[in-house]
Amino acid sequence: MTEKESLLNRAAPHVWSLAGLGRLKGVPGWYASIAAVPIYFILLWLGWKPYLAVWLALFFLSWYLSVLAERLYGHHNDPRVVIDDFLGYLTTMFLAPKFIYLPLAFLWGLAYYRLIIFFKPAFIGRLSKNEGGLYVVLDDIAAGLAATFLMWLTAAVVFVIKNPFGPEIFSQ
């Protein structure tokens, strides 16, 4: 093993666990999703092009690190690997409705994303059962897209029924 490979193998667990969030007791996927919230606000402020560039970089990094983690730990989708949960929440929020009051939007996104990850509906459950680092990441992306769909559906229902929560829920 070269010195460069050794350094990568020592650094990778810190990255895939998001500086140790994946090693905390409890629900490390939740911690990673919550850690993505301030990054979401920064990316939202920067605009869609930087958001997409960061998302793509995180996708390929997550895929690569998930493969490394499977080799190191010897099994699929280890709970210490939470970079995919981080990416999943950013996926949820990338296409989320932007006309919803921001604090409500990021909370809806977080709740929907984590609920979908917890229950793993049919197609997402099938993705997560496949071996390989790509599937570790794809199930979180699929959950993020499903959560985005639920956000749009909720926004449409709330808008159609004359906004029962008051005018402050929607902003222009």
N, C-alpha and C. Protein backbone atom coordinates (compact mmCIF):
# COMPACT_ATOMS: atom_id res chain seq x y z
N MET A 1 0.85 -1.18 0.00
CA MET A 1 0.00 0.00 0.00
C MET A 1 0.89 1.24 0.00
N THR A 2 0.59 2.15 -0.92
CA THR A 2 1.39 3.37 -0.99
C THR A 2 0.97 4.33 0.13
N GLU A 3 1.79 5.36 0.31
CA GLU A 3 1.48 6.35 1.35
C GLU A 3 0.19 7.10 1.01
N LYS A 4 -0.03 7.34 -0.29
CA LYS A 4 -1.25 8.04 -0.73
C LYS A 4 -2.50 7.18 -0.43
N GLU A 5 -2.44 5.88 -0.72
CA GLU A 5 -3.56 4.99 -0.43
C GLU A 5 -3.81 4.89 1.08
N SER A 6 -2.75 4.86 1.85
CA SER A 6 -2.87 4.79 3.29
C SER A 6 -3.56 6.03 3.84
N LEU A 7 -3.17 7.19 3.33
CA LEU A 7 -3.80 8.45 3.76
C LEU A 7 -5.28 8.45 3.41
N LEU A 8 -5.63 7.99 2.21
CA LEU A 8 -7.02 7.92 1.79
C LEU A 8 -7.81 6.99 2.70
N ASN A 9 -7.26 5.84 3.00
CA ASN A 9 -7.96 4.89 3.87
C ASN A 9 -8.15 5.43 5.28
N ARG A 10 -7.24 6.26 5.74
CA ARG A 10 -7.40 6.86 7.07
C ARG A 10 -8.39 8.01 7.05
N ALA A 11 -8.43 8.76 5.96
CA ALA A 11 -9.31 9.94 5.87
C ALA A 11 -10.75 9.57 5.50
N ALA A 12 -10.93 8.52 4.71
CA ALA A 12 -12.26 8.18 4.20
C ALA A 12 -13.31 7.99 5.29
N PRO A 13 -13.02 7.27 6.38
CA PRO A 13 -14.06 7.12 7.41
C PRO A 13 -14.51 8.44 8.04
N HIS A 14 -13.64 9.41 8.09
CA HIS A 14 -14.02 10.72 8.62
C HIS A 14 -14.97 11.44 7.67
N VAL A 15 -14.77 11.21 6.38
CA VAL A 15 -15.63 11.86 5.39
C VAL A 15 -16.96 11.13 5.30
N TRP A 16 -16.97 9.80 5.18
CA TRP A 16 -18.24 9.10 5.03
C TRP A 16 -19.09 9.14 6.28
N SER A 17 -18.45 9.38 7.43
CA SER A 17 -19.24 9.52 8.67
C SER A 17 -19.52 10.99 8.98
N LEU A 18 -19.17 11.89 8.08
CA LEU A 18 -19.34 13.33 8.26
C LEU A 18 -18.71 13.79 9.57
N ALA A 19 -17.42 13.56 9.65
CA ALA A 19 -16.59 13.96 10.81
C ALA A 19 -17.09 13.32 12.12
N GLY A 20 -17.59 12.08 12.01
CA GLY A 20 -17.97 11.34 13.20
C GLY A 20 -19.45 11.27 13.50
N LEU A 21 -20.29 11.99 12.76
CA LEU A 21 -21.73 11.92 13.01
C LEU A 21 -22.25 10.49 12.86
N GLY A 22 -21.68 9.75 11.93
CA GLY A 22 -22.11 8.38 11.70
C GLY A 22 -21.75 7.43 12.83
N ARG A 23 -20.85 7.85 13.70
CA ARG A 23 -20.45 6.99 14.82
C ARG A 23 -21.18 7.34 16.12
N LEU A 24 -22.04 8.34 16.08
CA LEU A 24 -22.79 8.72 17.28
C LEU A 24 -23.90 7.70 17.55
N LYS A 25 -24.23 7.53 18.82
CA LYS A 25 -25.33 6.64 19.20
C LYS A 25 -26.65 7.26 18.77
N GLY A 26 -27.62 6.44 18.58
CA GLY A 26 -28.95 6.93 18.22
C GLY A 26 -29.24 6.74 16.75
N VAL A 27 -29.54 7.82 16.09
CA VAL A 27 -29.97 7.79 14.69
C VAL A 27 -29.01 8.63 13.83
N PRO A 28 -27.89 8.06 13.43
CA PRO A 28 -26.90 8.84 12.70
C PRO A 28 -27.40 9.39 11.36
N GLY A 29 -28.33 8.70 10.71
CA GLY A 29 -28.89 9.23 9.47
C GLY A 29 -29.64 10.53 9.69
N TRP A 30 -30.35 10.62 10.81
CA TRP A 30 -31.03 11.87 11.17
C TRP A 30 -30.00 12.97 11.39
N TYR A 31 -28.94 12.65 12.10
CA TYR A 31 -27.91 13.66 12.37
C TYR A 31 -27.32 14.20 11.08
N ALA A 32 -27.09 13.31 10.13
CA ALA A 32 -26.52 13.73 8.85
C ALA A 32 -27.51 14.60 8.07
N SER A 33 -28.78 14.23 8.11
CA SER A 33 -29.80 15.03 7.43
C SER A 33 -29.90 16.42 8.05
N ILE A 34 -29.86 16.48 9.37
CA ILE A 34 -29.91 17.78 10.05
C ILE A 34 -28.67 18.60 9.74
N ALA A 35 -27.51 17.93 9.65
CA ALA A 35 -26.27 18.63 9.30
C ALA A 35 -26.33 19.22 7.90
N ALA A 36 -27.17 18.65 7.03
CA ALA A 36 -27.30 19.15 5.67
C ALA A 36 -28.11 20.44 5.60
N VAL A 37 -28.90 20.74 6.62
CA VAL A 37 -29.77 21.92 6.58
C VAL A 37 -29.00 23.22 6.38
N PRO A 38 -27.96 23.52 7.18
CA PRO A 38 -27.24 24.79 6.92
C PRO A 38 -26.55 24.81 5.55
N ILE A 39 -26.11 23.65 5.09
CA ILE A 39 -25.50 23.58 3.75
C ILE A 39 -26.56 23.88 2.70
N TYR A 40 -27.78 23.38 2.93
CA TYR A 40 -28.88 23.69 2.01
C TYR A 40 -29.10 25.20 1.91
N PHE A 41 -29.12 25.89 3.04
CA PHE A 41 -29.34 27.34 3.02
C PHE A 41 -28.22 28.06 2.26
N ILE A 42 -27.00 27.61 2.44
CA ILE A 42 -25.88 28.21 1.72
C ILE A 42 -26.03 27.96 0.22
N LEU A 43 -26.34 26.73 -0.16
CA LEU A 43 -26.50 26.39 -1.58
C LEU A 43 -27.69 27.11 -2.19
N LEU A 44 -28.76 27.26 -1.42
CA LEU A 44 -29.93 28.00 -1.90
C LEU A 44 -29.54 29.44 -2.20
N TRP A 45 -28.75 30.02 -1.34
CA TRP A 45 -28.30 31.40 -1.51
C TRP A 45 -27.38 31.53 -2.73
N LEU A 46 -26.54 30.50 -2.98
CA LEU A 46 -25.60 30.55 -4.10
C LEU A 46 -26.29 30.38 -5.45
N GLY A 47 -27.42 29.70 -5.49
CA GLY A 47 -28.14 29.49 -6.75
C GLY A 47 -28.08 28.05 -7.21
N TRP A 48 -28.85 27.77 -8.26
CA TRP A 48 -29.01 26.38 -8.67
C TRP A 48 -27.75 25.78 -9.32
N LYS A 49 -26.95 26.57 -10.02
CA LYS A 49 -25.77 26.01 -10.67
C LYS A 49 -24.73 25.53 -9.66
N PRO A 50 -24.34 26.35 -8.67
CA PRO A 50 -23.43 25.82 -7.65
C PRO A 50 -24.06 24.67 -6.85
N TYR A 51 -25.37 24.76 -6.60
CA TYR A 51 -26.07 23.68 -5.88
C TYR A 51 -25.91 22.38 -6.66
N LEU A 52 -26.17 22.42 -7.96
CA LEU A 52 -26.06 21.23 -8.79
C LEU A 52 -24.62 20.72 -8.83
N ALA A 53 -23.65 21.62 -8.94
CA ALA A 53 -22.24 21.21 -8.96
C ALA A 53 -21.85 20.51 -7.66
N VAL A 54 -22.26 21.07 -6.53
CA VAL A 54 -21.97 20.45 -5.23
C VAL A 54 -22.69 19.11 -5.13
N TRP A 55 -23.95 19.06 -5.58
CA TRP A 55 -24.72 17.82 -5.54
C TRP A 55 -24.03 16.72 -6.35
N LEU A 56 -23.60 17.06 -7.55
CA LEU A 56 -22.92 16.06 -8.39
C LEU A 56 -21.61 15.58 -7.75
N ALA A 57 -20.85 16.50 -7.21
CA ALA A 57 -19.60 16.12 -6.53
C ALA A 57 -19.89 15.21 -5.34
N LEU A 58 -20.92 15.55 -4.57
CA LEU A 58 -21.29 14.71 -3.43
C LEU A 58 -21.80 13.34 -3.87
N PHE A 59 -22.52 13.30 -4.98
CA PHE A 59 -23.01 12.02 -5.50
C PHE A 59 -21.84 11.08 -5.79
N PHE A 60 -20.87 11.56 -6.57
CA PHE A 60 -19.75 10.69 -6.93
C PHE A 60 -18.88 10.37 -5.72
N LEU A 61 -18.70 11.32 -4.82
CA LEU A 61 -17.94 11.07 -3.60
C LEU A 61 -18.65 10.05 -2.72
N SER A 62 -19.96 10.18 -2.58
CA SER A 62 -20.74 9.23 -1.77
C SER A 62 -20.66 7.83 -2.35
N TRP A 63 -20.78 7.73 -3.65
CA TRP A 63 -20.70 6.44 -4.32
C TRP A 63 -19.34 5.80 -4.06
N TYR A 64 -18.29 6.54 -4.29
CA TYR A 64 -16.93 6.03 -4.08
C TYR A 64 -16.70 5.62 -2.63
N LEU A 65 -17.12 6.47 -1.70
CA LEU A 65 -16.90 6.17 -0.29
C LEU A 65 -17.76 5.00 0.19
N SER A 66 -18.95 4.84 -0.39
CA SER A 66 -19.79 3.70 -0.03
C SER A 66 -19.15 2.38 -0.47
N VAL A 67 -18.52 2.41 -1.62
CA VAL A 67 -17.79 1.22 -2.09
C VAL A 67 -16.62 0.91 -1.13
N LEU A 68 -15.86 1.94 -0.77
CA LEU A 68 -14.75 1.75 0.18
C LEU A 68 -15.25 1.22 1.51
N ALA A 69 -16.35 1.76 2.01
CA ALA A 69 -16.89 1.33 3.31
C ALA A 69 -17.34 -0.13 3.26
N GLU A 70 -17.95 -0.53 2.16
CA GLU A 70 -18.36 -1.94 2.04
C GLU A 70 -17.15 -2.86 2.09
N ARG A 71 -16.07 -2.45 1.46
CA ARG A 71 -14.84 -3.26 1.50
C ARG A 71 -14.25 -3.31 2.90
N LEU A 72 -14.25 -2.17 3.58
CA LEU A 72 -13.67 -2.09 4.92
C LEU A 72 -14.50 -2.85 5.94
N TYR A 73 -15.82 -2.62 5.95
CA TYR A 73 -16.68 -3.21 6.97
C TYR A 73 -17.18 -4.60 6.59
N GLY A 74 -17.09 -4.95 5.32
CA GLY A 74 -17.47 -6.29 4.88
C GLY A 74 -18.96 -6.52 4.75
N HIS A 75 -19.76 -5.47 4.80
CA HIS A 75 -21.19 -5.62 4.58
C HIS A 75 -21.76 -4.35 3.95
N HIS A 76 -23.00 -4.49 3.52
CA HIS A 76 -23.70 -3.47 2.73
C HIS A 76 -24.36 -2.43 3.64
N ASN A 77 -24.25 -1.16 3.27
CA ASN A 77 -24.98 -0.05 3.89
C ASN A 77 -24.78 0.04 5.40
N ASP A 78 -23.55 0.18 5.81
CA ASP A 78 -23.22 0.31 7.23
C ASP A 78 -23.80 1.61 7.78
N PRO A 79 -24.39 1.59 8.99
CA PRO A 79 -25.00 2.81 9.53
C PRO A 79 -24.00 3.93 9.83
N ARG A 80 -22.71 3.61 9.89
CA ARG A 80 -21.70 4.65 10.12
C ARG A 80 -21.48 5.51 8.88
N VAL A 81 -21.91 5.02 7.73
CA VAL A 81 -21.77 5.77 6.48
C VAL A 81 -23.03 6.62 6.32
N VAL A 82 -22.89 7.92 6.53
CA VAL A 82 -24.06 8.81 6.52
C VAL A 82 -23.97 9.90 5.45
N ILE A 83 -22.93 9.88 4.65
CA ILE A 83 -22.82 10.89 3.60
C ILE A 83 -23.97 10.76 2.60
N ASP A 84 -24.49 9.54 2.44
CA ASP A 84 -25.63 9.32 1.55
C ASP A 84 -26.90 9.96 2.10
N ASP A 85 -27.07 9.98 3.41
CA ASP A 85 -28.23 10.65 4.02
C ASP A 85 -28.12 12.17 3.84
N PHE A 86 -26.93 12.67 3.95
CA PHE A 86 -26.65 14.09 3.71
C PHE A 86 -27.06 14.45 2.28
N LEU A 87 -26.63 13.63 1.32
CA LEU A 87 -26.96 13.85 -0.08
C LEU A 87 -28.45 13.69 -0.32
N GLY A 88 -29.09 12.74 0.35
CA GLY A 88 -30.52 12.52 0.18
C GLY A 88 -31.35 13.75 0.56
N TYR A 89 -30.98 14.38 1.67
CA TYR A 89 -31.71 15.59 2.07
C TYR A 89 -31.47 16.72 1.07
N LEU A 90 -30.23 16.87 0.60
CA LEU A 90 -29.96 17.91 -0.41
C LEU A 90 -30.72 17.62 -1.70
N THR A 91 -30.92 16.35 -2.02
CA THR A 91 -31.73 15.96 -3.18
C THR A 91 -33.17 16.41 -2.97
N THR A 92 -33.70 16.15 -1.79
CA THR A 92 -35.07 16.55 -1.47
C THR A 92 -35.26 18.04 -1.72
N MET A 93 -34.34 18.82 -1.25
CA MET A 93 -34.52 20.27 -1.25
C MET A 93 -34.16 20.94 -2.57
N PHE A 94 -33.41 20.23 -3.42
CA PHE A 94 -32.98 20.84 -4.68
C PHE A 94 -34.18 21.24 -5.54
N LEU A 95 -35.16 20.37 -5.64
CA LEU A 95 -36.34 20.64 -6.48
C LEU A 95 -37.58 20.96 -5.65
N ALA A 96 -37.39 21.23 -4.38
CA ALA A 96 -38.53 21.55 -3.50
C ALA A 96 -39.17 22.86 -3.92
N PRO A 97 -40.47 22.99 -3.65
CA PRO A 97 -41.14 24.25 -4.00
C PRO A 97 -40.48 25.43 -3.30
N LYS A 98 -40.12 26.45 -4.05
CA LYS A 98 -39.42 27.61 -3.48
C LYS A 98 -40.38 28.70 -3.02
N PHE A 99 -41.68 28.53 -3.31
CA PHE A 99 -42.63 29.56 -2.92
C PHE A 99 -43.19 29.32 -1.51
N ILE A 100 -42.81 28.24 -0.89
CA ILE A 100 -43.27 27.96 0.47
C ILE A 100 -42.36 28.70 1.45
N TYR A 101 -42.93 29.20 2.49
CA TYR A 101 -42.19 29.88 3.55
C TYR A 101 -41.01 29.00 3.95
N LEU A 102 -39.80 29.53 3.88
CA LEU A 102 -38.57 28.75 4.01
C LEU A 102 -38.47 27.86 5.25
N PRO A 103 -38.75 28.37 6.46
CA PRO A 103 -38.67 27.45 7.61
C PRO A 103 -39.62 26.27 7.50
N LEU A 104 -40.79 26.49 6.93
CA LEU A 104 -41.73 25.39 6.74
C LEU A 104 -41.20 24.41 5.69
N ALA A 105 -40.62 24.93 4.63
CA ALA A 105 -40.12 24.08 3.55
C ALA A 105 -39.01 23.16 4.04
N PHE A 106 -38.03 23.68 4.76
CA PHE A 106 -36.93 22.81 5.15
C PHE A 106 -37.38 21.78 6.19
N LEU A 107 -38.37 22.13 7.02
CA LEU A 107 -38.90 21.15 7.98
C LEU A 107 -39.73 20.08 7.29
N TRP A 108 -40.56 20.49 6.33
CA TRP A 108 -41.32 19.51 5.54
C TRP A 108 -40.38 18.56 4.83
N GLY A 109 -39.36 19.12 4.21
CA GLY A 109 -38.40 18.30 3.49
C GLY A 109 -37.71 17.30 4.40
N LEU A 110 -37.29 17.75 5.56
CA LEU A 110 -36.62 16.87 6.51
C LEU A 110 -37.56 15.77 6.99
N ALA A 111 -38.78 16.14 7.35
CA ALA A 111 -39.75 15.15 7.85
C ALA A 111 -40.11 14.14 6.77
N TYR A 112 -40.42 14.61 5.57
CA TYR A 112 -40.79 13.69 4.50
C TYR A 112 -39.62 12.77 4.12
N TYR A 113 -38.45 13.34 4.00
CA TYR A 113 -37.29 12.54 3.63
C TYR A 113 -37.03 11.43 4.66
N ARG A 114 -37.01 11.80 5.95
CA ARG A 114 -36.72 10.79 6.98
C ARG A 114 -37.83 9.75 7.09
N LEU A 115 -39.09 10.16 6.89
CA LEU A 115 -40.19 9.18 6.91
C LEU A 115 -40.05 8.18 5.76
N ILE A 116 -39.71 8.67 4.60
CA ILE A 116 -39.54 7.76 3.45
C ILE A 116 -38.36 6.83 3.68
N ILE A 117 -37.27 7.34 4.21
CA ILE A 117 -36.11 6.50 4.51
C ILE A 117 -36.48 5.44 5.55
N PHE A 118 -37.27 5.83 6.54
CA PHE A 118 -37.65 4.90 7.60
C PHE A 118 -38.54 3.78 7.06
N PHE A 119 -39.57 4.14 6.28
CA PHE A 119 -40.52 3.14 5.81
C PHE A 119 -40.08 2.45 4.52
N LYS A 120 -39.21 3.05 3.77
CA LYS A 120 -38.69 2.49 2.51
C LYS A 120 -39.78 1.85 1.67
N PRO A 121 -40.60 2.69 1.00
CA PRO A 121 -41.63 2.13 0.11
C PRO A 121 -41.01 1.19 -0.92
N ALA A 122 -41.85 0.42 -1.58
CA ALA A 122 -41.44 -0.70 -2.42
C ALA A 122 -40.20 -0.46 -3.28
N PHE A 123 -40.24 0.53 -4.16
CA PHE A 123 -39.12 0.71 -5.09
C PHE A 123 -37.85 1.15 -4.35
N ILE A 124 -37.98 1.93 -3.31
CA ILE A 124 -36.81 2.36 -2.56
C ILE A 124 -36.25 1.20 -1.75
N GLY A 125 -37.14 0.39 -1.19
CA GLY A 125 -36.72 -0.80 -0.46
C GLY A 125 -35.95 -1.77 -1.35
N ARG A 126 -36.42 -1.92 -2.59
CA ARG A 126 -35.71 -2.80 -3.52
C ARG A 126 -34.33 -2.25 -3.87
N LEU A 127 -34.24 -0.95 -4.03
CA LEU A 127 -32.93 -0.34 -4.32
C LEU A 127 -31.96 -0.59 -3.17
N SER A 128 -32.43 -0.40 -1.95
CA SER A 128 -31.52 -0.50 -0.80
C SER A 128 -31.07 -1.92 -0.52
N LYS A 129 -31.80 -2.90 -1.03
CA LYS A 129 -31.40 -4.30 -0.81
C LYS A 129 -30.31 -4.77 -1.77
N ASN A 130 -30.12 -4.04 -2.86
CA ASN A 130 -29.08 -4.40 -3.83
C ASN A 130 -27.70 -4.14 -3.24
N GLU A 131 -26.78 -5.02 -3.54
CA GLU A 131 -25.40 -4.87 -3.08
C GLU A 131 -24.68 -3.84 -3.94
N GLY A 132 -23.74 -3.15 -3.35
CA GLY A 132 -22.92 -2.20 -4.08
C GLY A 132 -23.11 -0.78 -3.60
N GLY A 133 -22.03 -0.04 -3.64
CA GLY A 133 -22.04 1.33 -3.15
C GLY A 133 -22.99 2.23 -3.90
N LEU A 134 -23.19 1.96 -5.19
CA LEU A 134 -24.11 2.80 -5.97
C LEU A 134 -25.52 2.71 -5.40
N TYR A 135 -25.97 1.52 -5.03
CA TYR A 135 -27.32 1.35 -4.51
C TYR A 135 -27.50 1.96 -3.13
N VAL A 136 -26.42 2.03 -2.36
CA VAL A 136 -26.46 2.71 -1.06
C VAL A 136 -26.85 4.17 -1.27
N VAL A 137 -26.30 4.76 -2.32
CA VAL A 137 -26.55 6.17 -2.62
C VAL A 137 -27.89 6.34 -3.36
N LEU A 138 -28.20 5.44 -4.28
CA LEU A 138 -29.41 5.59 -5.09
C LEU A 138 -30.69 5.50 -4.26
N ASP A 139 -30.70 4.69 -3.20
CA ASP A 139 -31.93 4.62 -2.41
C ASP A 139 -32.18 5.94 -1.69
N ASP A 140 -31.13 6.64 -1.29
CA ASP A 140 -31.31 7.94 -0.65
C ASP A 140 -31.73 9.01 -1.65
N ILE A 141 -31.20 8.92 -2.87
CA ILE A 141 -31.62 9.86 -3.92
C ILE A 141 -33.09 9.62 -4.27
N ALA A 142 -33.48 8.36 -4.40
CA ALA A 142 -34.88 8.03 -4.70
C ALA A 142 -35.79 8.52 -3.56
N ALA A 143 -35.37 8.34 -2.33
CA ALA A 143 -36.16 8.83 -1.19
C ALA A 143 -36.25 10.35 -1.23
N GLY A 144 -35.16 11.01 -1.60
CA GLY A 144 -35.17 12.47 -1.72
C GLY A 144 -36.14 12.94 -2.79
N LEU A 145 -36.16 12.25 -3.93
CA LEU A 145 -37.08 12.62 -5.00
C LEU A 145 -38.53 12.36 -4.58
N ALA A 146 -38.77 11.25 -3.88
CA ALA A 146 -40.12 10.97 -3.38
C ALA A 146 -40.55 12.02 -2.38
N ALA A 147 -39.64 12.45 -1.51
CA ALA A 147 -39.96 13.50 -0.54
C ALA A 147 -40.26 14.82 -1.25
N THR A 148 -39.52 15.11 -2.31
CA THR A 148 -39.80 16.32 -3.10
C THR A 148 -41.19 16.25 -3.70
N PHE A 149 -41.54 15.10 -4.23
CA PHE A 149 -42.89 14.91 -4.79
C PHE A 149 -43.95 15.17 -3.71
N LEU A 150 -43.74 14.61 -2.51
CA LEU A 150 -44.70 14.84 -1.42
C LEU A 150 -44.78 16.32 -1.03
N MET A 151 -43.65 17.00 -1.08
CA MET A 151 -43.67 18.44 -0.78
C MET A 151 -44.51 19.19 -1.80
N TRP A 152 -44.33 18.87 -3.08
CA TRP A 152 -45.13 19.53 -4.12
C TRP A 152 -46.60 19.17 -3.98
N LEU A 153 -46.89 17.93 -3.67
CA LEU A 153 -48.27 17.49 -3.49
C LEU A 153 -48.91 18.23 -2.31
N THR A 154 -48.19 18.32 -1.21
CA THR A 154 -48.69 19.03 -0.03
C THR A 154 -48.93 20.50 -0.35
N ALA A 155 -47.97 21.11 -1.04
CA ALA A 155 -48.11 22.52 -1.40
C ALA A 155 -49.33 22.73 -2.30
N ALA A 156 -49.55 21.82 -3.24
CA ALA A 156 -50.70 21.94 -4.14
C ALA A 156 -52.01 21.80 -3.37
N VAL A 157 -52.07 20.84 -2.46
CA VAL A 157 -53.28 20.64 -1.67
C VAL A 157 -53.55 21.86 -0.80
N VAL A 158 -52.54 22.36 -0.13
CA VAL A 158 -52.70 23.53 0.73
C VAL A 158 -53.13 24.73 -0.09
N PHE A 159 -52.55 24.90 -1.26
CA PHE A 159 -52.89 26.03 -2.11
C PHE A 159 -54.31 25.91 -2.65
N VAL A 160 -54.70 24.71 -3.05
CA VAL A 160 -56.02 24.49 -3.64
C VAL A 160 -57.13 24.69 -2.60
N ILE A 161 -56.88 24.30 -1.35
CA ILE A 161 -57.94 24.44 -0.35
C ILE A 161 -57.88 25.80 0.33
N LYS A 162 -57.44 26.78 -0.40
CA LYS A 162 -57.47 28.19 0.01
C LYS A 162 -56.57 28.50 1.20
N ASN A 163 -55.47 27.80 1.31
CA ASN A 163 -54.43 28.15 2.27
C ASN A 163 -54.97 28.31 3.70
N PRO A 164 -55.37 27.20 4.35
CA PRO A 164 -55.95 27.29 5.68
C PRO A 164 -54.96 27.72 6.77
N PHE A 165 -53.68 27.70 6.47
CA PHE A 165 -52.68 28.05 7.48
C PHE A 165 -52.35 29.54 7.51
N GLY A 166 -52.97 30.31 6.67
CA GLY A 166 -52.72 31.74 6.65
C GLY A 166 -51.82 32.13 5.51
N PRO A 167 -51.79 33.42 5.16
CA PRO A 167 -51.02 33.88 4.00
C PRO A 167 -49.51 33.76 4.19
N GLU A 168 -49.03 33.67 5.42
CA GLU A 168 -47.59 33.65 5.62
C GLU A 168 -46.93 32.34 5.20
N ILE A 169 -47.73 31.30 4.90
CA ILE A 169 -47.13 30.04 4.48
C ILE A 169 -46.49 30.16 3.10
N PHE A 170 -47.03 31.04 2.25
CA PHE A 170 -46.50 31.22 0.92
C PHE A 170 -45.84 32.58 0.81
N SER A 171 -44.69 32.61 0.19
CA SER A 171 -44.00 33.88 -0.01
C SER A 171 -43.62 34.00 -1.47
N GLN A 172 -43.47 35.19 -1.91
CA GLN A 172 -43.08 35.42 -3.31
C GLN A 172 -41.65 35.84 -3.39
